[in-house]
Amino acid sequence: MKIFFSLNHFLPDSIAGTELYTFNLARSLQQAGAEVAVLIPFFDSMQNETYYYKGIKVIQYAENSINNRAMTMGKQQPLGLAAYVQVLKEERPSIIHFHEIAGGRGIGIYHLQAVKALGIK
């Protein structure tokens, strides 16, 4: 089983409760035999990047939107949504666990809708 965790920031660049919880959950599932990865926005970037944090694969998808009121209110899709969807089509996870949903250019309602449209649980 391939499990993705989707949130706005991850270790080592951001150290807070959500990031630590996600890391420990990913490690536990990895030790149980699951293939895991973290999928986060790569803010202000035009290309995707991948790195590993203590054995956990972290995929940063290109997100170069300029945040505005319409985006924050959920009325405008972030530009990075296309890169997010492309990563999902290439990686083909079995399941995605959303750890946060926010307005603006981060992980939001449009990401949830895209995952549903792709048939990912």
PDB file of N, CA and C in Angstrom:
ATOM      1  N   MET A   1       0.849  -1.175   0.000  1.00  0.00           N
ATOM      2  CA  MET A   1       0.000   0.000   0.000  1.00  0.00           C
ATOM      3  C   MET A   1       0.893   1.237   0.000  1.00  0.00           C
ATOM      4  N   LYS A   2       0.519   2.198  -0.834  1.00  0.00           N
ATOM      5  CA  LYS A   2       1.260   3.450  -0.944  1.00  0.00           C
ATOM      6  C   LYS A   2       0.414   4.560  -0.321  1.00  0.00           C
ATOM      7  N   ILE A   3       0.920   5.137   0.750  1.00  0.00           N
ATOM      8  CA  ILE A   3       0.193   6.151   1.508  1.00  0.00           C
ATOM      9  C   ILE A   3       0.898   7.492   1.381  1.00  0.00           C
ATOM     10  N   PHE A   4       0.129   8.522   1.005  1.00  0.00           N
ATOM     11  CA  PHE A   4       0.647   9.883   0.934  1.00  0.00           C
ATOM     12  C   PHE A   4       0.046  10.701   2.063  1.00  0.00           C
ATOM     13  N   PHE A   5       0.848  11.587   2.602  1.00  0.00           N
ATOM     14  CA  PHE A   5       0.389  12.550   3.599  1.00  0.00           C
ATOM     15  C   PHE A   5       0.492  13.931   2.957  1.00  0.00           C
ATOM     16  N   SER A   6      -0.578  14.688   2.996  1.00  0.00           N
ATOM     17  CA  SER A   6      -0.608  15.992   2.338  1.00  0.00           C
ATOM     18  C   SER A   6      -0.808  17.079   3.393  1.00  0.00           C
ATOM     19  N   LEU A   7       0.137  18.002   3.429  1.00  0.00           N
ATOM     20  CA  LEU A   7       0.093  19.134   4.347  1.00  0.00           C
ATOM     21  C   LEU A   7       0.887  20.282   3.746  1.00  0.00           C
ATOM     22  N   ASN A   8       0.900  21.428   4.411  1.00  0.00           N
ATOM     23  CA  ASN A   8       1.511  22.617   3.825  1.00  0.00           C
ATOM     24  C   ASN A   8       3.010  22.764   4.060  1.00  0.00           C
ATOM     25  N   HIS A   9       3.521  22.174   5.114  1.00  0.00           N
ATOM     26  CA  HIS A   9       4.941  22.287   5.443  1.00  0.00           C
ATOM     27  C   HIS A   9       5.410  20.973   6.051  1.00  0.00           C
ATOM     28  N   PHE A  10       6.713  20.748   6.024  1.00  0.00           N
ATOM     29  CA  PHE A  10       7.246  19.531   6.635  1.00  0.00           C
ATOM     30  C   PHE A  10       8.670  19.772   7.124  1.00  0.00           C
ATOM     31  N   LEU A  11       9.143  18.829   7.871  1.00  0.00           N
ATOM     32  CA  LEU A  11      10.483  18.865   8.444  1.00  0.00           C
ATOM     33  C   LEU A  11      11.545  18.826   7.353  1.00  0.00           C
ATOM     34  N   PRO A  12      12.676  19.373   7.514  1.00  0.00           N
ATOM     35  CA  PRO A  12      13.173  20.108   8.673  1.00  0.00           C
ATOM     36  C   PRO A  12      12.862  21.595   8.616  1.00  0.00           C
ATOM     37  N   ASP A  13      12.235  22.080   7.534  1.00  0.00           N
ATOM     38  CA  ASP A  13      12.001  23.522   7.390  1.00  0.00           C
ATOM     39  C   ASP A  13      10.966  24.060   8.361  1.00  0.00           C
ATOM     40  N   SER A  14      10.010  23.264   8.724  1.00  0.00           N
ATOM     41  CA  SER A  14       8.968  23.673   9.656  1.00  0.00           C
ATOM     42  C   SER A  14       8.851  22.612  10.744  1.00  0.00           C
ATOM     43  N   ILE A  15       8.990  23.034  11.976  1.00  0.00           N
ATOM     44  CA  ILE A  15       8.938  22.099  13.102  1.00  0.00           C
ATOM     45  C   ILE A  15       7.796  22.523  14.010  1.00  0.00           C
ATOM     46  N   ALA A  16       6.694  21.823  13.905  1.00  0.00           N
ATOM     47  CA  ALA A  16       5.523  22.095  14.737  1.00  0.00           C
ATOM     48  C   ALA A  16       4.781  20.778  14.947  1.00  0.00           C
ATOM     49  N   GLY A  17       3.663  20.851  15.626  1.00  0.00           N
ATOM     50  CA  GLY A  17       2.931  19.646  15.991  1.00  0.00           C
ATOM     51  C   GLY A  17       2.476  18.806  14.818  1.00  0.00           C
ATOM     52  N   THR A  18       1.918  19.435  13.783  1.00  0.00           N
ATOM     53  CA  THR A  18       1.424  18.683  12.630  1.00  0.00           C
ATOM     54  C   THR A  18       2.559  17.967  11.916  1.00  0.00           C
ATOM     55  N   GLU A  19       3.677  18.654  11.760  1.00  0.00           N
ATOM     56  CA  GLU A  19       4.828  18.062  11.078  1.00  0.00           C
ATOM     57  C   GLU A  19       5.403  16.886  11.878  1.00  0.00           C
ATOM     58  N   LEU A  20       5.501  17.050  13.180  1.00  0.00           N
ATOM     59  CA  LEU A  20       6.030  15.960  14.024  1.00  0.00           C
ATOM     60  C   LEU A  20       5.074  14.771  14.050  1.00  0.00           C
ATOM     61  N   TYR A  21       3.778  15.040  14.158  1.00  0.00           N
ATOM     62  CA  TYR A  21       2.786  13.971  14.136  1.00  0.00           C
ATOM     63  C   TYR A  21       2.854  13.211  12.814  1.00  0.00           C
ATOM     64  N   THR A  22       2.909  13.945  11.713  1.00  0.00           N
ATOM     65  CA  THR A  22       2.966  13.323  10.389  1.00  0.00           C
ATOM     66  C   THR A  22       4.218  12.475  10.242  1.00  0.00           C
ATOM     67  N   PHE A  23       5.345  12.997  10.673  1.00  0.00           N
ATOM     68  CA  PHE A  23       6.605  12.255  10.600  1.00  0.00           C
ATOM     69  C   PHE A  23       6.511  10.941  11.378  1.00  0.00           C
ATOM     70  N   ASN A  24       6.020  10.998  12.604  1.00  0.00           N
ATOM     71  CA  ASN A  24       5.935   9.787  13.433  1.00  0.00           C
ATOM     72  C   ASN A  24       4.924   8.788  12.882  1.00  0.00           C
ATOM     73  N   LEU A  25       3.820   9.274  12.346  1.00  0.00           N
ATOM     74  CA  LEU A  25       2.837   8.387  11.723  1.00  0.00           C
ATOM     75  C   LEU A  25       3.444   7.728  10.481  1.00  0.00           C
ATOM     76  N   ALA A  26       4.135   8.520   9.672  1.00  0.00           N
ATOM     77  CA  ALA A  26       4.771   7.969   8.467  1.00  0.00           C
ATOM     78  C   ALA A  26       5.798   6.905   8.830  1.00  0.00           C
ATOM     79  N   ARG A  27       6.609   7.166   9.833  1.00  0.00           N
ATOM     80  CA  ARG A  27       7.626   6.186  10.258  1.00  0.00           C
ATOM     81  C   ARG A  27       6.972   4.895  10.751  1.00  0.00           C
ATOM     82  N   SER A  28       5.902   5.020  11.530  1.00  0.00           N
ATOM     83  CA  SER A  28       5.204   3.836  12.046  1.00  0.00           C
ATOM     84  C   SER A  28       4.633   2.995  10.908  1.00  0.00           C
ATOM     85  N   LEU A  29       4.000   3.641   9.943  1.00  0.00           N
ATOM     86  CA  LEU A  29       3.424   2.913   8.816  1.00  0.00           C
ATOM     87  C   LEU A  29       4.512   2.327   7.923  1.00  0.00           C
ATOM     88  N   GLN A  30       5.609   3.049   7.782  1.00  0.00           N
ATOM     89  CA  GLN A  30       6.747   2.551   7.014  1.00  0.00           C
ATOM     90  C   GLN A  30       7.314   1.284   7.671  1.00  0.00           C
ATOM     91  N   GLN A  31       7.430   1.288   8.974  1.00  0.00           N
ATOM     92  CA  GLN A  31       7.933   0.120   9.701  1.00  0.00           C
ATOM     93  C   GLN A  31       6.977  -1.064   9.621  1.00  0.00           C
ATOM     94  N   ALA A  32       5.688  -0.759   9.398  1.00  0.00           N
ATOM     95  CA  ALA A  32       4.683  -1.816   9.248  1.00  0.00           C
ATOM     96  C   ALA A  32       4.619  -2.344   7.818  1.00  0.00           C
ATOM     97  N   GLY A  33       5.457  -1.776   6.931  1.00  0.00           N
ATOM     98  CA  GLY A  33       5.532  -2.286   5.567  1.00  0.00           C
ATOM     99  C   GLY A  33       4.893  -1.433   4.497  1.00  0.00           C
ATOM    100  N   ALA A  34       4.305  -0.313   4.863  1.00  0.00           N
ATOM    101  CA  ALA A  34       3.684   0.559   3.866  1.00  0.00           C
ATOM    102  C   ALA A  34       4.740   1.433   3.191  1.00  0.00           C
ATOM    103  N   GLU A  35       4.484   1.770   1.944  1.00  0.00           N
ATOM    104  CA  GLU A  35       5.301   2.756   1.239  1.00  0.00           C
ATOM    105  C   GLU A  35       4.668   4.110   1.521  1.00  0.00           C
ATOM    106  N   VAL A  36       5.434   5.042   2.058  1.00  0.00           N
ATOM    107  CA  VAL A  36       4.884   6.339   2.443  1.00  0.00           C
ATOM    108  C   VAL A  36       5.651   7.484   1.794  1.00  0.00           C
ATOM    109  N   ALA A  37       4.957   8.592   1.628  1.00  0.00           N
ATOM    110  CA  ALA A  37       5.577   9.824   1.138  1.00  0.00           C
ATOM    111  C   ALA A  37       4.760  11.002   1.646  1.00  0.00           C
ATOM    112  N   VAL A  38       5.424  12.134   1.761  1.00  0.00           N
ATOM    113  CA  VAL A  38       4.781  13.379   2.154  1.00  0.00           C
ATOM    114  C   VAL A  38       4.734  14.272   0.925  1.00  0.00           C
ATOM    115  N   LEU A  39       3.590  14.894   0.676  1.00  0.00           N
ATOM    116  CA  LEU A  39       3.401  15.770  -0.477  1.00  0.00           C
ATOM    117  C   LEU A  39       3.046  17.165   0.017  1.00  0.00           C
ATOM    118  N   ILE A  40       3.952  18.117  -0.258  1.00  0.00           N
ATOM    119  CA  ILE A  40       3.781  19.488   0.230  1.00  0.00           C
ATOM    120  C   ILE A  40       3.999  20.485  -0.909  1.00  0.00           C
ATOM    121  N   PRO A  41       3.446  21.700  -0.762  1.00  0.00           N
ATOM    122  CA  PRO A  41       3.712  22.732  -1.757  1.00  0.00           C
ATOM    123  C   PRO A  41       5.173  23.188  -1.687  1.00  0.00           C
ATOM    124  N   PHE A  42       5.731  23.494  -2.827  1.00  0.00           N
ATOM    125  CA  PHE A  42       7.054  24.111  -2.922  1.00  0.00           C
ATOM    126  C   PHE A  42       6.776  25.557  -3.316  1.00  0.00           C
ATOM    127  N   PHE A  43       6.477  26.363  -2.299  1.00  0.00           N
ATOM    128  CA  PHE A  43       6.041  27.735  -2.514  1.00  0.00           C
ATOM    129  C   PHE A  43       7.078  28.541  -3.286  1.00  0.00           C
ATOM    130  N   ASP A  44       6.580  29.359  -4.191  1.00  0.00           N
ATOM    131  CA  ASP A  44       7.394  30.274  -5.010  1.00  0.00           C
ATOM    132  C   ASP A  44       8.356  29.534  -5.927  1.00  0.00           C
ATOM    133  N   SER A  45       7.975  28.344  -6.350  1.00  0.00           N
ATOM    134  CA  SER A  45       8.819  27.559  -7.241  1.00  0.00           C
ATOM    135  C   SER A  45       8.056  27.186  -8.506  1.00  0.00           C
ATOM    136  N   MET A  46       8.807  27.016  -9.587  1.00  0.00           N
ATOM    137  CA  MET A  46       8.230  26.624 -10.872  1.00  0.00           C
ATOM    138  C   MET A  46       8.458  25.142 -11.169  1.00  0.00           C
ATOM    139  N   GLN A  47       9.146  24.437 -10.261  1.00  0.00           N
ATOM    140  CA  GLN A  47       9.427  23.023 -10.515  1.00  0.00           C
ATOM    141  C   GLN A  47       9.265  22.201  -9.239  1.00  0.00           C
ATOM    142  N   ASN A  48       9.008  20.929  -9.431  1.00  0.00           N
ATOM    143  CA  ASN A  48       8.895  20.005  -8.313  1.00  0.00           C
ATOM    144  C   ASN A  48      10.281  19.613  -7.826  1.00  0.00           C
ATOM    145  N   GLU A  49      10.372  19.278  -6.562  1.00  0.00           N
ATOM    146  CA  GLU A  49      11.627  18.795  -5.963  1.00  0.00           C
ATOM    147  C   GLU A  49      11.278  17.646  -5.032  1.00  0.00           C
ATOM    148  N   THR A  50      12.237  16.763  -4.838  1.00  0.00           N
ATOM    149  CA  THR A  50      12.077  15.653  -3.894  1.00  0.00           C
ATOM    150  C   THR A  50      13.286  15.606  -2.982  1.00  0.00           C
ATOM    151  N   TYR A  51      13.035  15.373  -1.696  1.00  0.00           N
ATOM    152  CA  TYR A  51      14.117  15.154  -0.746  1.00  0.00           C
ATOM    153  C   TYR A  51      13.677  14.073   0.237  1.00  0.00           C
ATOM    154  N   TYR A  52      14.602  13.606   1.023  1.00  0.00           N
ATOM    155  CA  TYR A  52      14.298  12.606   2.045  1.00  0.00           C
ATOM    156  C   TYR A  52      14.629  13.182   3.409  1.00  0.00           C
ATOM    157  N   TYR A  53      13.721  12.975   4.345  1.00  0.00           N
ATOM    158  CA  TYR A  53      13.960  13.387   5.717  1.00  0.00           C
ATOM    159  C   TYR A  53      13.914  12.141   6.593  1.00  0.00           C
ATOM    160  N   LYS A  54      15.059  11.735   7.081  1.00  0.00           N
ATOM    161  CA  LYS A  54      15.190  10.548   7.945  1.00  0.00           C
ATOM    162  C   LYS A  54      14.452   9.346   7.370  1.00  0.00           C
ATOM    163  N   GLY A  55      14.638   9.124   6.072  1.00  0.00           N
ATOM    164  CA  GLY A  55      14.065   7.962   5.406  1.00  0.00           C
ATOM    165  C   GLY A  55      12.664   8.158   4.851  1.00  0.00           C
ATOM    166  N   ILE A  56      12.083   9.321   5.053  1.00  0.00           N
ATOM    167  CA  ILE A  56      10.742   9.604   4.542  1.00  0.00           C
ATOM    168  C   ILE A  56      10.873  10.444   3.273  1.00  0.00           C
ATOM    169  N   LYS A  57      10.270   9.973   2.195  1.00  0.00           N
ATOM    170  CA  LYS A  57      10.294  10.718   0.930  1.00  0.00           C
ATOM    171  C   LYS A  57       9.361  11.914   1.029  1.00  0.00           C
ATOM    172  N   VAL A  58       9.872  13.085   0.660  1.00  0.00           N
ATOM    173  CA  VAL A  58       9.082  14.312   0.669  1.00  0.00           C
ATOM    174  C   VAL A  58       9.089  14.884  -0.743  1.00  0.00           C
ATOM    175  N   ILE A  59       7.900  14.977  -1.333  1.00  0.00           N
ATOM    176  CA  ILE A  59       7.748  15.533  -2.672  1.00  0.00           C
ATOM    177  C   ILE A  59       7.181  16.940  -2.524  1.00  0.00           C
ATOM    178  N   GLN A  60       7.884  17.901  -3.079  1.00  0.00           N
ATOM    179  CA  GLN A  60       7.418  19.280  -3.090  1.00  0.00           C
ATOM    180  C   GLN A  60       6.918  19.588  -4.498  1.00  0.00           C
ATOM    181  N   TYR A  61       5.630  19.901  -4.607  1.00  0.00           N
ATOM    182  CA  TYR A  61       5.092  20.242  -5.924  1.00  0.00           C
ATOM    183  C   TYR A  61       5.170  21.762  -6.129  1.00  0.00           C
ATOM    184  N   ALA A  62       5.411  22.170  -7.365  1.00  0.00           N
ATOM    185  CA  ALA A  62       5.578  23.581  -7.697  1.00  0.00           C
ATOM    186  C   ALA A  62       4.302  24.367  -7.403  1.00  0.00           C
ATOM    187  N   GLU A  63       4.434  25.386  -6.576  1.00  0.00           N
ATOM    188  CA  GLU A  63       3.299  26.253  -6.228  1.00  0.00           C
ATOM    189  C   GLU A  63       3.777  27.696  -6.257  1.00  0.00           C
ATOM    190  N   ASN A  64       3.495  28.372  -7.365  1.00  0.00           N
ATOM    191  CA  ASN A  64       3.967  29.745  -7.515  1.00  0.00           C
ATOM    192  C   ASN A  64       2.833  30.763  -7.580  1.00  0.00           C
ATOM    193  N   SER A  65       1.683  30.409  -7.036  1.00  0.00           N
ATOM    194  CA  SER A  65       0.566  31.349  -6.980  1.00  0.00           C
ATOM    195  C   SER A  65       0.915  32.537  -6.094  1.00  0.00           C
ATOM    196  N   ILE A  66       0.318  33.660  -6.444  1.00  0.00           N
ATOM    197  CA  ILE A  66       0.368  34.819  -5.557  1.00  0.00           C
ATOM    198  C   ILE A  66      -0.955  34.829  -4.819  1.00  0.00           C
ATOM    199  N   ASN A  67      -0.884  34.699  -3.504  1.00  0.00           N
ATOM    200  CA  ASN A  67      -2.098  34.619  -2.694  1.00  0.00           C
ATOM    201  C   ASN A  67      -2.905  35.907  -2.826  1.00  0.00           C
ATOM    202  N   ASN A  68      -4.218  35.750  -2.956  1.00  0.00           N
ATOM    203  CA  ASN A  68      -5.103  36.907  -3.003  1.00  0.00           C
ATOM    204  C   ASN A  68      -6.397  36.564  -2.279  1.00  0.00           C
ATOM    205  N   ARG A  69      -7.257  37.533  -2.139  1.00  0.00           N
ATOM    206  CA  ARG A  69      -8.502  37.345  -1.389  1.00  0.00           C
ATOM    207  C   ARG A  69      -9.378  36.233  -1.988  1.00  0.00           C
ATOM    208  N   ALA A  70      -9.509  36.213  -3.303  1.00  0.00           N
ATOM    209  CA  ALA A  70     -10.342  35.192  -3.949  1.00  0.00           C
ATOM    210  C   ALA A  70      -9.805  33.794  -3.672  1.00  0.00           C
ATOM    211  N   MET A  71      -8.508  33.639  -3.694  1.00  0.00           N
ATOM    212  CA  MET A  71      -7.907  32.331  -3.420  1.00  0.00           C
ATOM    213  C   MET A  71      -8.106  31.944  -1.951  1.00  0.00           C
ATOM    214  N   THR A  72      -7.911  32.899  -1.068  1.00  0.00           N
ATOM    215  CA  THR A  72      -8.094  32.639   0.361  1.00  0.00           C
ATOM    216  C   THR A  72      -9.529  32.246   0.674  1.00  0.00           C
ATOM    217  N   MET A  73     -10.478  32.825  -0.061  1.00  0.00           N
ATOM    218  CA  MET A  73     -11.895  32.514   0.153  1.00  0.00           C
ATOM    219  C   MET A  73     -12.331  31.257  -0.597  1.00  0.00           C
ATOM    220  N   GLY A  74     -11.437  30.626  -1.334  1.00  0.00           N
ATOM    221  CA  GLY A  74     -11.772  29.400  -2.038  1.00  0.00           C
ATOM    222  C   GLY A  74     -12.483  29.617  -3.363  1.00  0.00           C
ATOM    223  N   LYS A  75     -12.425  30.826  -3.905  1.00  0.00           N
ATOM    224  CA  LYS A  75     -13.097  31.135  -5.163  1.00  0.00           C
ATOM    225  C   LYS A  75     -12.168  31.045  -6.364  1.00  0.00           C
ATOM    226  N   GLN A  76     -10.889  30.864  -6.119  1.00  0.00           N
ATOM    227  CA  GLN A  76      -9.898  30.770  -7.195  1.00  0.00           C
ATOM    228  C   GLN A  76      -8.932  29.630  -6.888  1.00  0.00           C
ATOM    229  N   GLN A  77      -8.703  28.768  -7.868  1.00  0.00           N
ATOM    230  CA  GLN A  77      -7.771  27.656  -7.694  1.00  0.00           C
ATOM    231  C   GLN A  77      -6.334  28.171  -7.654  1.00  0.00           C
ATOM    232  N   PRO A  78      -5.502  27.573  -6.793  1.00  0.00           N
ATOM    233  CA  PRO A  78      -4.077  27.911  -6.837  1.00  0.00           C
ATOM    234  C   PRO A  78      -3.443  27.338  -8.103  1.00  0.00           C
ATOM    235  N   LEU A  79      -2.471  28.039  -8.638  1.00  0.00           N
ATOM    236  CA  LEU A  79      -1.801  27.593  -9.862  1.00  0.00           C
ATOM    237  C   LEU A  79      -1.117  26.241  -9.690  1.00  0.00           C
ATOM    238  N   GLY A  80      -0.648  25.960  -8.492  1.00  0.00           N
ATOM    239  CA  GLY A  80       0.071  24.719  -8.232  1.00  0.00           C
ATOM    240  C   GLY A  80      -0.794  23.465  -8.243  1.00  0.00           C
ATOM    241  N   LEU A  81      -2.091  23.627  -8.344  1.00  0.00           N
ATOM    242  CA  LEU A  81      -2.985  22.464  -8.352  1.00  0.00           C
ATOM    243  C   LEU A  81      -2.640  21.509  -9.488  1.00  0.00           C
ATOM    244  N   ALA A  82      -2.287  22.036 -10.642  1.00  0.00           N
ATOM    245  CA  ALA A  82      -1.930  21.183 -11.783  1.00  0.00           C
ATOM    246  C   ALA A  82      -0.692  20.343 -11.476  1.00  0.00           C
ATOM    247  N   ALA A  83       0.290  20.934 -10.814  1.00  0.00           N
ATOM    248  CA  ALA A  83       1.503  20.186 -10.434  1.00  0.00           C
ATOM    249  C   ALA A  83       1.174  19.127  -9.386  1.00  0.00           C
ATOM    250  N   TYR A  84       0.277  19.451  -8.463  1.00  0.00           N
ATOM    251  CA  TYR A  84      -0.166  18.506  -7.432  1.00  0.00           C
ATOM    252  C   TYR A  84      -0.805  17.282  -8.090  1.00  0.00           C
ATOM    253  N   VAL A  85      -1.722  17.532  -9.021  1.00  0.00           N
ATOM    254  CA  VAL A  85      -2.415  16.449  -9.724  1.00  0.00           C
ATOM    255  C   VAL A  85      -1.421  15.619 -10.535  1.00  0.00           C
ATOM    256  N   GLN A  86      -0.485  16.258 -11.187  1.00  0.00           N
ATOM    257  CA  GLN A  86       0.510  15.531 -11.978  1.00  0.00           C
ATOM    258  C   GLN A  86       1.326  14.583 -11.112  1.00  0.00           C
ATOM    259  N   VAL A  87       1.731  15.040  -9.923  1.00  0.00           N
ATOM    260  CA  VAL A  87       2.465  14.163  -8.998  1.00  0.00           C
ATOM    261  C   VAL A  87       1.620  12.948  -8.637  1.00  0.00           C
ATOM    262  N   LEU A  88       0.349  13.169  -8.363  1.00  0.00           N
ATOM    263  CA  LEU A  88      -0.536  12.054  -8.004  1.00  0.00           C
ATOM    264  C   LEU A  88      -0.682  11.064  -9.157  1.00  0.00           C
ATOM    265  N   LYS A  89      -0.784  11.571 -10.375  1.00  0.00           N
ATOM    266  CA  LYS A  89      -0.904  10.681 -11.534  1.00  0.00           C
ATOM    267  C   LYS A  89       0.376   9.872 -11.746  1.00  0.00           C
ATOM    268  N   GLU A  90       1.508  10.470 -11.489  1.00  0.00           N
ATOM    269  CA  GLU A  90       2.783   9.766 -11.650  1.00  0.00           C
ATOM    270  C   GLU A  90       3.036   8.771 -10.518  1.00  0.00           C
ATOM    271  N   GLU A  91       2.739   9.165  -9.306  1.00  0.00           N
ATOM    272  CA  GLU A  91       3.061   8.348  -8.127  1.00  0.00           C
ATOM    273  C   GLU A  91       2.000   7.293  -7.808  1.00  0.00           C
ATOM    274  N   ARG A  92       0.761   7.580  -8.142  1.00  0.00           N
ATOM    275  CA  ARG A  92      -0.371   6.665  -7.942  1.00  0.00           C
ATOM    276  C   ARG A  92      -0.493   6.115  -6.514  1.00  0.00           C
ATOM    277  N   PRO A  93      -0.687   6.990  -5.530  1.00  0.00           N
ATOM    278  CA  PRO A  93      -0.876   6.500  -4.161  1.00  0.00           C
ATOM    279  C   PRO A  93      -2.206   5.768  -4.008  1.00  0.00           C
ATOM    280  N   SER A  94      -2.253   4.852  -3.054  1.00  0.00           N
ATOM    281  CA  SER A  94      -3.483   4.124  -2.754  1.00  0.00           C
ATOM    282  C   SER A  94      -4.441   4.979  -1.940  1.00  0.00           C
ATOM    283  N   ILE A  95      -3.858   5.813  -1.080  1.00  0.00           N
ATOM    284  CA  ILE A  95      -4.646   6.625  -0.153  1.00  0.00           C
ATOM    285  C   ILE A  95      -3.882   7.907   0.158  1.00  0.00           C
ATOM    286  N   ILE A  96      -4.626   8.962   0.420  1.00  0.00           N
ATOM    287  CA  ILE A  96      -4.027  10.231   0.829  1.00  0.00           C
ATOM    288  C   ILE A  96      -4.656  10.653   2.140  1.00  0.00           C
ATOM    289  N   HIS A  97      -3.820  11.003   3.082  1.00  0.00           N
ATOM    290  CA  HIS A  97      -4.271  11.502   4.382  1.00  0.00           C
ATOM    291  C   HIS A  97      -3.972  12.998   4.410  1.00  0.00           C
ATOM    292  N   PHE A  98      -5.020  13.805   4.436  1.00  0.00           N
ATOM    293  CA  PHE A  98      -4.865  15.253   4.524  1.00  0.00           C
ATOM    294  C   PHE A  98      -4.702  15.641   5.996  1.00  0.00           C
ATOM    295  N   HIS A  99      -3.624  16.307   6.297  1.00  0.00           N
ATOM    296  CA  HIS A  99      -3.358  16.711   7.678  1.00  0.00           C
ATOM    297  C   HIS A  99      -3.789  18.138   7.965  1.00  0.00           C
ATOM    298  N   GLU A 100      -4.045  18.909   6.938  1.00  0.00           N
ATOM    299  CA  GLU A 100      -4.579  20.253   7.118  1.00  0.00           C
ATOM    300  C   GLU A 100      -5.228  20.720   5.816  1.00  0.00           C
ATOM    301  N   ILE A 101      -6.233  21.544   5.969  1.00  0.00           N
ATOM    302  CA  ILE A 101      -6.938  22.142   4.841  1.00  0.00           C
ATOM    303  C   ILE A 101      -6.976  23.639   5.127  1.00  0.00           C
ATOM    304  N   ALA A 102      -6.513  24.427   4.179  1.00  0.00           N
ATOM    305  CA  ALA A 102      -6.449  25.872   4.378  1.00  0.00           C
ATOM    306  C   ALA A 102      -6.930  26.592   3.131  1.00  0.00           C
ATOM    307  N   GLY A 103      -7.228  27.843   3.273  1.00  0.00           N
ATOM    308  CA  GLY A 103      -7.517  28.680   2.128  1.00  0.00           C
ATOM    309  C   GLY A 103      -6.210  29.177   1.534  1.00  0.00           C
ATOM    310  N   GLY A 104      -6.294  29.782   0.399  1.00  0.00           N
ATOM    311  CA  GLY A 104      -5.098  30.348  -0.212  1.00  0.00           C
ATOM    312  C   GLY A 104      -4.364  29.348  -1.076  1.00  0.00           C
ATOM    313  N   ARG A 105      -3.072  29.539  -1.189  1.00  0.00           N
ATOM    314  CA  ARG A 105      -2.290  28.736  -2.124  1.00  0.00           C
ATOM    315  C   ARG A 105      -1.781  27.422  -1.545  1.00  0.00           C
ATOM    316  N   GLY A 106      -2.092  27.134  -0.306  1.00  0.00           N
ATOM    317  CA  GLY A 106      -1.699  25.863   0.285  1.00  0.00           C
ATOM    318  C   GLY A 106      -2.702  24.764  -0.034  1.00  0.00           C
ATOM    319  N   ILE A 107      -2.594  23.660   0.685  1.00  0.00           N
ATOM    320  CA  ILE A 107      -3.511  22.533   0.498  1.00  0.00           C
ATOM    321  C   ILE A 107      -4.917  22.957   0.909  1.00  0.00           C
ATOM    322  N   GLY A 108      -5.848  22.847  -0.028  1.00  0.00           N
ATOM    323  CA  GLY A 108      -7.204  23.313   0.251  1.00  0.00           C
ATOM    324  C   GLY A 108      -8.268  22.437  -0.404  1.00  0.00           C
ATOM    325  N   ILE A 109      -9.454  22.996  -0.507  1.00  0.00           N
ATOM    326  CA  ILE A 109     -10.612  22.258  -1.003  1.00  0.00           C
ATOM    327  C   ILE A 109     -10.412  21.755  -2.437  1.00  0.00           C
ATOM    328  N   TYR A 110      -9.712  22.519  -3.269  1.00  0.00           N
ATOM    329  CA  TYR A 110      -9.491  22.089  -4.655  1.00  0.00           C
ATOM    330  C   TYR A 110      -8.609  20.836  -4.705  1.00  0.00           C
ATOM    331  N   HIS A 111      -7.713  20.692  -3.747  1.00  0.00           N
ATOM    332  CA  HIS A 111      -6.863  19.502  -3.678  1.00  0.00           C
ATOM    333  C   HIS A 111      -7.706  18.277  -3.299  1.00  0.00           C
ATOM    334  N   LEU A 112      -8.621  18.472  -2.353  1.00  0.00           N
ATOM    335  CA  LEU A 112      -9.536  17.385  -1.976  1.00  0.00           C
ATOM    336  C   LEU A 112     -10.387  16.954  -3.171  1.00  0.00           C
ATOM    337  N   GLN A 113     -10.908  17.918  -3.904  1.00  0.00           N
ATOM    338  CA  GLN A 113     -11.734  17.614  -5.066  1.00  0.00           C
ATOM    339  C   GLN A 113     -10.927  16.878  -6.144  1.00  0.00           C
ATOM    340  N   ALA A 114      -9.681  17.279  -6.327  1.00  0.00           N
ATOM    341  CA  ALA A 114      -8.835  16.620  -7.333  1.00  0.00           C
ATOM    342  C   ALA A 114      -8.563  15.165  -6.953  1.00  0.00           C
ATOM    343  N   VAL A 115      -8.303  14.930  -5.677  1.00  0.00           N
ATOM    344  CA  VAL A 115      -8.061  13.564  -5.207  1.00  0.00           C
ATOM    345  C   VAL A 115      -9.307  12.703  -5.412  1.00  0.00           C
ATOM    346  N   LYS A 116     -10.457  13.265  -5.088  1.00  0.00           N
ATOM    347  CA  LYS A 116     -11.710  12.525  -5.293  1.00  0.00           C
ATOM    348  C   LYS A 116     -11.917  12.214  -6.772  1.00  0.00           C
ATOM    349  N   ALA A 117     -11.669  13.193  -7.644  1.00  0.00           N
ATOM    350  CA  ALA A 117     -11.856  13.008  -9.085  1.00  0.00           C
ATOM    351  C   ALA A 117     -10.926  11.928  -9.634  1.00  0.00           C
ATOM    352  N   LEU A 118      -9.754  11.788  -9.027  1.00  0.00           N
ATOM    353  CA  LEU A 118      -8.803  10.747  -9.448  1.00  0.00           C
ATOM    354  C   LEU A 118      -9.157   9.373  -8.875  1.00  0.00           C
ATOM    355  N   GLY A 119     -10.141   9.330  -7.994  1.00  0.00           N
ATOM    356  CA  GLY A 119     -10.563   8.053  -7.402  1.00  0.00           C
ATOM    357  C   GLY A 119      -9.637   7.542  -6.305  1.00  0.00           C
ATOM    358  N   ILE A 120      -8.859   8.437  -5.729  1.00  0.00           N
ATOM    359  CA  ILE A 120      -7.957   8.055  -4.636  1.00  0.00           C
ATOM    360  C   ILE A 120      -8.710   8.205  -3.321  1.00  0.00           C
ATOM    361  N   LYS A 121      -8.588   7.219  -2.477  1.00  0.00           N
ATOM    362  CA  LYS A 121      -9.280   7.256  -1.178  1.00  0.00           C
ATOM    363  C   LYS A 121      -8.565   8.158  -0.211  1.00  0.00           C
TER     364      LYS A 121
END
